[in-house]
C-alpha cells in the first residue's frame, strides 16, 4: 500500500488534537487524511462544531471517525486505509487514538508519535515498586497476563479458553537472574515499570511532552530524568533512537520546538 500512516496516541486530554493541528498548519504541504479511532459505547464523540464544516476547511483531504471494539479493530483499520488508498494512492494518513494497547498492535504504522501531558508526579508515569513487582510476577506466571501486559492483545482471555489462566511454575532465584539479564527480560521490565496508559512510550518514534497540558511541580524534573533513563534503555534494546521533546507547539518557538518540527517534517509526507 502506498499510503504513509502515522499513529498519534496517548492519554486522553493530553493535546493530541492540538499536535495534529500544528502539523497540518506547519508541516504538511498536502492535505492528509484524518482518522479518529474511538471505542464503541465509549463517551468520545465528534465535536459538533467540526461536523458542520467540510474536511477541506480544516486542511484535510478527508476526515472520518471509526468506532471499534477488540474483535473488529484489525479489519476496520485495514478496510479504512484501503478506502483512502483508492481515493489517494500515495496520500498520508494520520490516525488519532487514546492510549488503548490494542490500537498499537492493530497495524504496522510507518510512524508513531506519543503525546502526553507534563507529569506532575512520578507515579503518574511509573508504577510504584511494589505494584511493578506484583505485575512482573503475574506476567511470568500467567500466559494471558503476559500477552496483555507486553502486547496489549489479551484482556479477557480471548485466546486462553473462557479466560482461564495458564499457570507457570515458580522461578528459582537463579532462573530469575538468568531471565532478567536477557533482552526479552529487560524489555518486559521496561514496560512493567510504566503505568498502563504510558506503555506506548516504549515503541514510539517520537514522544511529545505537551507542556501546554499538565502542571509542573517539584517532582516533574525527577520524573523526566527517570523517563530519559528508561528511553535510553529502550533505545539500546531495540537499536532504535526514541526522541523525546518537551514543548508546546502553540507557544513562541524555542529550540525544542524547532528540533521537534525538524524530526516530524519527514513524517508529514505522502507515501510512495
Protein backbone atom coordinates (compact mmCIF):
# COMPACT_ATOMS: atom_id res chain seq x y z
CA UNK A 1 0.00 0.00 0.00
CA UNK A 2 1.40 3.38 -1.00
CA UNK A 3 0.00 5.32 1.93
CA UNK A 4 2.14 6.70 4.73
CA UNK A 5 0.33 6.10 8.02
CA UNK A 6 1.11 7.91 11.28
CA UNK A 7 -0.35 6.96 14.65
CA UNK A 8 -0.70 9.79 17.17
CA UNK A 9 -1.70 8.27 20.50
CA UNK A 10 -1.54 8.99 24.21
CA UNK A 11 -3.70 9.51 27.29
CA UNK A 12 -6.92 11.42 26.90
CA UNK A 13 -6.80 15.21 27.18
CA UNK A 14 -3.07 15.32 26.53
CA UNK A 15 -3.34 17.59 23.49
CA UNK A 16 -3.11 15.04 20.65
CA UNK A 17 -5.53 17.05 18.51
CA UNK A 18 -3.51 20.23 19.01
CA UNK A 19 -0.31 18.47 17.95
CA UNK A 20 -2.01 17.17 14.80
CA UNK A 21 -3.42 20.63 14.11
CA UNK A 22 0.05 22.14 14.39
CA UNK A 23 1.48 19.55 11.99
CA UNK A 24 -1.28 20.36 9.48
CA UNK A 25 -0.64 24.10 9.80
CA UNK A 26 3.15 23.98 9.83
CA UNK A 27 4.37 20.81 8.12
CA UNK A 28 2.01 19.02 5.75
CA UNK A 29 2.34 20.55 2.30
CA UNK A 30 -0.54 18.46 1.01
CA UNK A 31 -3.74 17.67 2.87
CA UNK A 32 -3.60 14.48 4.94
CA UNK A 33 -6.46 12.09 5.64
CA UNK A 34 -7.57 12.11 9.28
CA UNK A 35 -8.95 9.09 11.13
CA UNK A 36 -10.14 9.25 14.73
CA UNK A 37 -10.42 5.87 16.43
CA UNK A 38 -12.93 5.66 19.27
CA UNK A 39 -14.20 2.70 21.25
CA UNK A 40 -17.77 1.54 20.71
CA UNK A 41 -20.06 2.55 23.58
CA UNK A 42 -17.43 5.00 24.86
CA UNK A 43 -18.01 8.65 25.71
CA UNK A 44 -15.74 10.01 22.96
CA UNK A 45 -17.85 11.79 20.32
CA UNK A 46 -17.05 14.02 17.33
CA UNK A 47 -17.10 17.74 18.20
CA UNK A 48 -20.40 19.14 16.94
CA UNK A 49 -18.89 22.34 15.54
CA UNK A 50 -16.39 20.43 13.42
CA UNK A 51 -19.01 18.12 11.97
CA UNK A 52 -20.77 21.09 10.39
CA UNK A 53 -17.69 22.00 8.35
CA UNK A 54 -16.07 20.17 5.45
CA UNK A 55 -12.67 18.45 5.92
CA UNK A 56 -11.14 20.89 3.40
CA UNK A 57 -11.93 23.79 5.73
CA UNK A 58 -9.72 22.09 8.34
CA UNK A 59 -6.87 21.48 5.89
CA UNK A 60 -7.73 17.79 5.47
CA UNK A 61 -8.26 15.63 2.40
CA UNK A 62 -10.86 13.62 4.33
CA UNK A 63 -11.94 13.03 7.92
CA UNK A 64 -13.72 10.08 9.48
CA UNK A 65 -14.50 8.67 12.91
CA UNK A 66 -14.13 4.91 13.19
CA UNK A 67 -15.71 3.12 16.15
CA UNK A 68 -14.09 -0.17 17.09
CA UNK A 69 -14.09 -2.99 19.60
CA UNK A 70 -11.46 -5.63 20.27
CA UNK A 71 -12.94 -8.10 17.80
CA UNK A 72 -13.12 -5.71 14.83
CA UNK A 73 -10.22 -3.27 15.18
CA UNK A 74 -7.87 -5.14 12.81
CA UNK A 75 -10.19 -5.42 9.78
CA UNK A 76 -11.65 -1.96 10.43
CA UNK A 77 -8.29 -0.21 10.14
CA UNK A 78 -7.37 -2.22 7.07
CA UNK A 79 -10.69 -1.50 5.34
CA UNK A 80 -10.50 2.21 6.21
CA UNK A 81 -7.00 2.50 4.76
CA UNK A 82 -7.97 0.58 1.63
CA UNK A 83 -10.83 3.05 1.07
CA UNK A 84 -8.44 6.00 1.44
CA UNK A 85 -5.91 4.30 -0.85
CA UNK A 86 -8.46 4.08 -3.65
CA UNK A 87 -9.02 7.84 -3.40
CA UNK A 88 -5.40 8.90 -2.87
CA UNK A 89 -2.85 6.24 -3.81
CA UNK A 90 0.19 7.95 -2.29
CA UNK A 91 -1.51 10.03 0.37
CA UNK A 92 -0.66 10.42 4.03
CA UNK A 93 -2.92 9.35 6.87
CA UNK A 94 -2.85 10.50 10.48
CA UNK A 95 -4.69 8.27 12.94
CA UNK A 96 -5.53 9.71 16.36
CA UNK A 97 -6.29 7.33 19.22
CA UNK A 98 -6.29 7.21 23.00
CA UNK A 99 -3.84 5.03 24.93
CA UNK A 100 -5.50 1.73 24.07
CA UNK A 101 -2.96 -1.11 23.76
CA UNK A 102 -4.86 -2.99 21.07
CA UNK A 103 -4.68 0.04 18.75
CA UNK A 104 -0.88 -0.04 18.93
CA UNK A 105 -0.86 -3.62 17.67
CA UNK A 106 -3.63 -3.33 15.09
CA UNK A 107 -1.48 -2.08 12.20
CA UNK A 108 2.15 -1.71 11.15
CA UNK A 109 2.21 2.10 11.29
CA UNK A 110 5.00 3.93 9.47
CA UNK A 111 5.42 6.49 12.25
CA UNK A 112 4.35 6.51 15.89
CA UNK A 113 4.02 9.73 17.88
CA UNK A 114 3.10 9.59 21.57
CA UNK A 115 1.67 12.72 23.21
CA UNK A 116 1.49 13.06 26.99
CA UNK A 117 0.88 15.88 29.47
CA UNK A 118 3.62 17.38 31.59
CA UNK A 119 3.90 14.92 34.51
CA UNK A 120 3.33 16.34 37.97
CA UNK A 121 4.11 13.16 39.93
CA UNK A 122 6.49 10.25 39.39
CA UNK A 123 3.71 7.72 39.99
CA UNK A 124 1.57 9.35 37.32
CA UNK A 125 4.01 7.82 34.85
CA UNK A 126 5.71 4.97 36.74
CA UNK A 127 4.31 2.15 38.83
CA UNK A 128 5.34 2.02 42.50
CA UNK A 129 7.98 -0.67 43.10
CA UNK A 130 5.53 -2.96 44.89
CA UNK A 131 2.97 -2.75 42.07
CA UNK A 132 5.65 -3.32 39.43
CA UNK A 133 6.94 -6.40 41.26
CA UNK A 134 3.41 -7.82 41.55
CA UNK A 135 2.74 -7.18 37.86
CA UNK A 136 6.01 -8.87 36.94
CA UNK A 137 5.14 -11.96 38.98
CA UNK A 138 1.70 -12.15 37.38
CA UNK A 139 3.12 -11.76 33.88
CA UNK A 140 5.62 -14.59 34.30
CA UNK A 141 3.09 -16.96 35.86
CA UNK A 142 0.16 -16.37 33.53
CA UNK A 143 0.33 -16.52 29.74
CA UNK A 144 -2.75 -14.32 29.44
CA UNK A 145 -1.28 -11.65 31.71
CA UNK A 146 1.97 -11.77 29.75
CA UNK A 147 0.25 -11.15 26.42
CA UNK A 148 -1.89 -8.37 27.89
CA UNK A 149 1.00 -6.51 29.53
CA UNK A 150 3.54 -6.89 26.73
CA UNK A 151 1.39 -6.81 23.60
CA UNK A 152 -1.96 -5.43 24.80
CA UNK A 153 -3.85 -8.08 22.87
CA UNK A 154 -5.48 -10.23 25.51
CA UNK A 155 -7.60 -8.60 28.17
CA UNK A 156 -10.38 -11.12 28.54
CA UNK A 157 -8.75 -14.46 27.85
CA UNK A 158 -9.51 -14.19 24.14
CA UNK A 159 -7.08 -16.99 23.31
CA UNK A 160 -6.95 -18.82 26.62
CA UNK A 161 -10.32 -20.54 26.66
CA UNK A 162 -13.01 -18.69 28.61
CA UNK A 163 -10.42 -16.50 30.31
CA UNK A 164 -8.67 -19.35 32.09
CA UNK A 165 -5.16 -18.56 33.35
CA UNK A 166 -2.29 -20.72 32.19
CA UNK A 167 -0.09 -21.11 35.24
CA UNK A 168 3.68 -21.46 35.15
CA UNK A 169 5.98 -22.95 37.74
CA UNK A 170 7.65 -20.54 40.15
CA UNK A 171 11.08 -19.30 39.07
CA UNK A 172 14.06 -20.14 41.23
CA UNK A 173 16.39 -17.23 42.15
CA UNK A 174 18.95 -18.35 39.57
CA UNK A 175 16.28 -18.63 36.87
CA UNK A 176 15.11 -15.12 37.73
CA UNK A 177 18.63 -13.72 37.33
CA UNK A 178 19.21 -15.56 34.07
CA UNK A 179 15.92 -14.37 32.62
CA UNK A 180 16.17 -10.75 33.71
CA UNK A 181 19.57 -10.39 32.05
CA UNK A 182 18.20 -11.39 28.64
CA UNK A 183 16.98 -8.74 26.13
CA UNK A 184 13.40 -10.03 26.49
CA UNK A 185 13.62 -9.82 30.26
CA UNK A 186 14.87 -6.23 30.07
CA UNK A 187 12.13 -5.23 27.66
CA UNK A 188 9.41 -6.71 29.88
CA UNK A 189 10.84 -4.90 32.90
CA UNK A 190 10.83 -1.65 30.94
CA UNK A 191 7.14 -1.98 30.12
CA UNK A 192 6.22 -3.15 33.61
CA UNK A 193 7.80 -0.05 35.13
CA UNK A 194 5.34 2.21 33.28
CA UNK A 195 1.73 2.79 34.20
CA UNK A 196 -0.52 1.08 31.56
CA UNK A 197 -1.62 4.32 29.79
CA UNK A 198 2.06 5.01 29.04
CA UNK A 199 3.11 1.64 27.62
CA UNK A 200 3.03 3.19 24.15
CA UNK A 201 6.10 5.21 25.09
CA UNK A 202 8.29 2.15 24.68
CA UNK A 203 7.56 1.69 20.97
CA UNK A 204 7.12 5.27 19.76
CA UNK A 205 9.43 7.07 17.36
CA UNK A 206 8.73 10.49 18.86
CA UNK A 207 7.46 11.38 22.34
CA UNK A 208 5.99 14.83 22.83
CA UNK A 209 5.56 16.05 26.39
CA UNK A 210 2.98 18.74 25.84
CA UNK A 211 3.97 21.50 28.25
CA UNK A 212 0.69 23.26 27.49
CA UNK A 213 -1.16 20.46 29.34
CA UNK A 214 -0.48 19.43 32.91
CA UNK A 215 1.17 21.21 35.81
CA UNK A 216 4.86 21.49 36.58
CA UNK A 217 5.75 20.59 40.17
CA UNK A 218 8.89 19.90 42.18
CA UNK A 219 8.61 16.25 41.07
CA UNK A 220 8.46 16.99 37.33
CA UNK A 221 12.23 17.19 36.85
CA UNK A 222 12.83 13.84 38.58
CA UNK A 223 10.05 12.23 36.55
CA UNK A 224 11.55 13.41 33.26
CA UNK A 225 15.00 12.25 34.34
CA UNK A 226 13.65 8.76 35.10
CA UNK A 227 11.83 8.76 31.76
CA UNK A 228 15.03 9.64 29.90
CA UNK A 229 16.85 6.78 31.61
CA UNK A 230 14.10 4.37 30.58
CA UNK A 231 14.14 5.65 26.98
CA UNK A 232 17.90 5.16 26.83
CA UNK A 233 17.34 1.54 27.83
CA UNK A 234 14.62 1.13 25.21
CA UNK A 235 16.91 2.55 22.53
CA UNK A 236 19.65 0.08 23.42
CA UNK A 237 17.24 -2.87 23.41
CA UNK A 238 15.55 -2.03 20.13
CA UNK A 239 18.53 -0.40 18.40
CA UNK A 240 16.16 2.43 17.55
CA UNK A 241 16.55 6.01 18.75
CA UNK A 242 13.46 7.23 20.59
CA UNK A 243 13.30 11.03 20.55
CA UNK A 244 11.71 12.95 23.40
CA UNK A 245 10.70 16.60 23.32
CA UNK A 246 9.08 18.83 25.93
CA UNK A 247 7.42 21.82 24.32
CA UNK A 248 4.15 23.47 23.30
CA UNK A 249 3.80 23.87 19.55
CA UNK A 250 1.44 26.81 20.09
CA UNK A 251 3.86 28.79 22.26
CA UNK A 252 6.55 31.10 20.85
CA UNK A 253 9.08 28.83 19.10
CA UNK A 254 12.15 27.75 21.06
CA UNK A 255 14.98 25.28 20.39
CA UNK A 256 12.90 22.26 21.46
CA UNK A 257 10.01 23.28 19.19
CA UNK A 258 12.29 23.81 16.19
CA UNK A 259 14.03 20.48 16.75
CA UNK A 260 10.67 18.70 17.08
CA UNK A 261 9.40 20.18 13.82
CA UNK A 262 12.59 19.07 12.06
CA UNK A 263 12.03 15.49 13.27
CA UNK A 264 8.31 15.49 12.38
CA UNK A 265 8.75 17.04 8.92
CA UNK A 266 9.85 13.82 7.13
CA UNK A 267 6.85 12.03 8.64
CA UNK A 268 4.45 14.57 7.16
CA UNK A 269 4.92 13.48 3.58
CA UNK A 270 2.95 11.28 1.25
CA UNK A 271 3.60 7.62 0.65
CA UNK A 272 5.37 6.05 -2.29
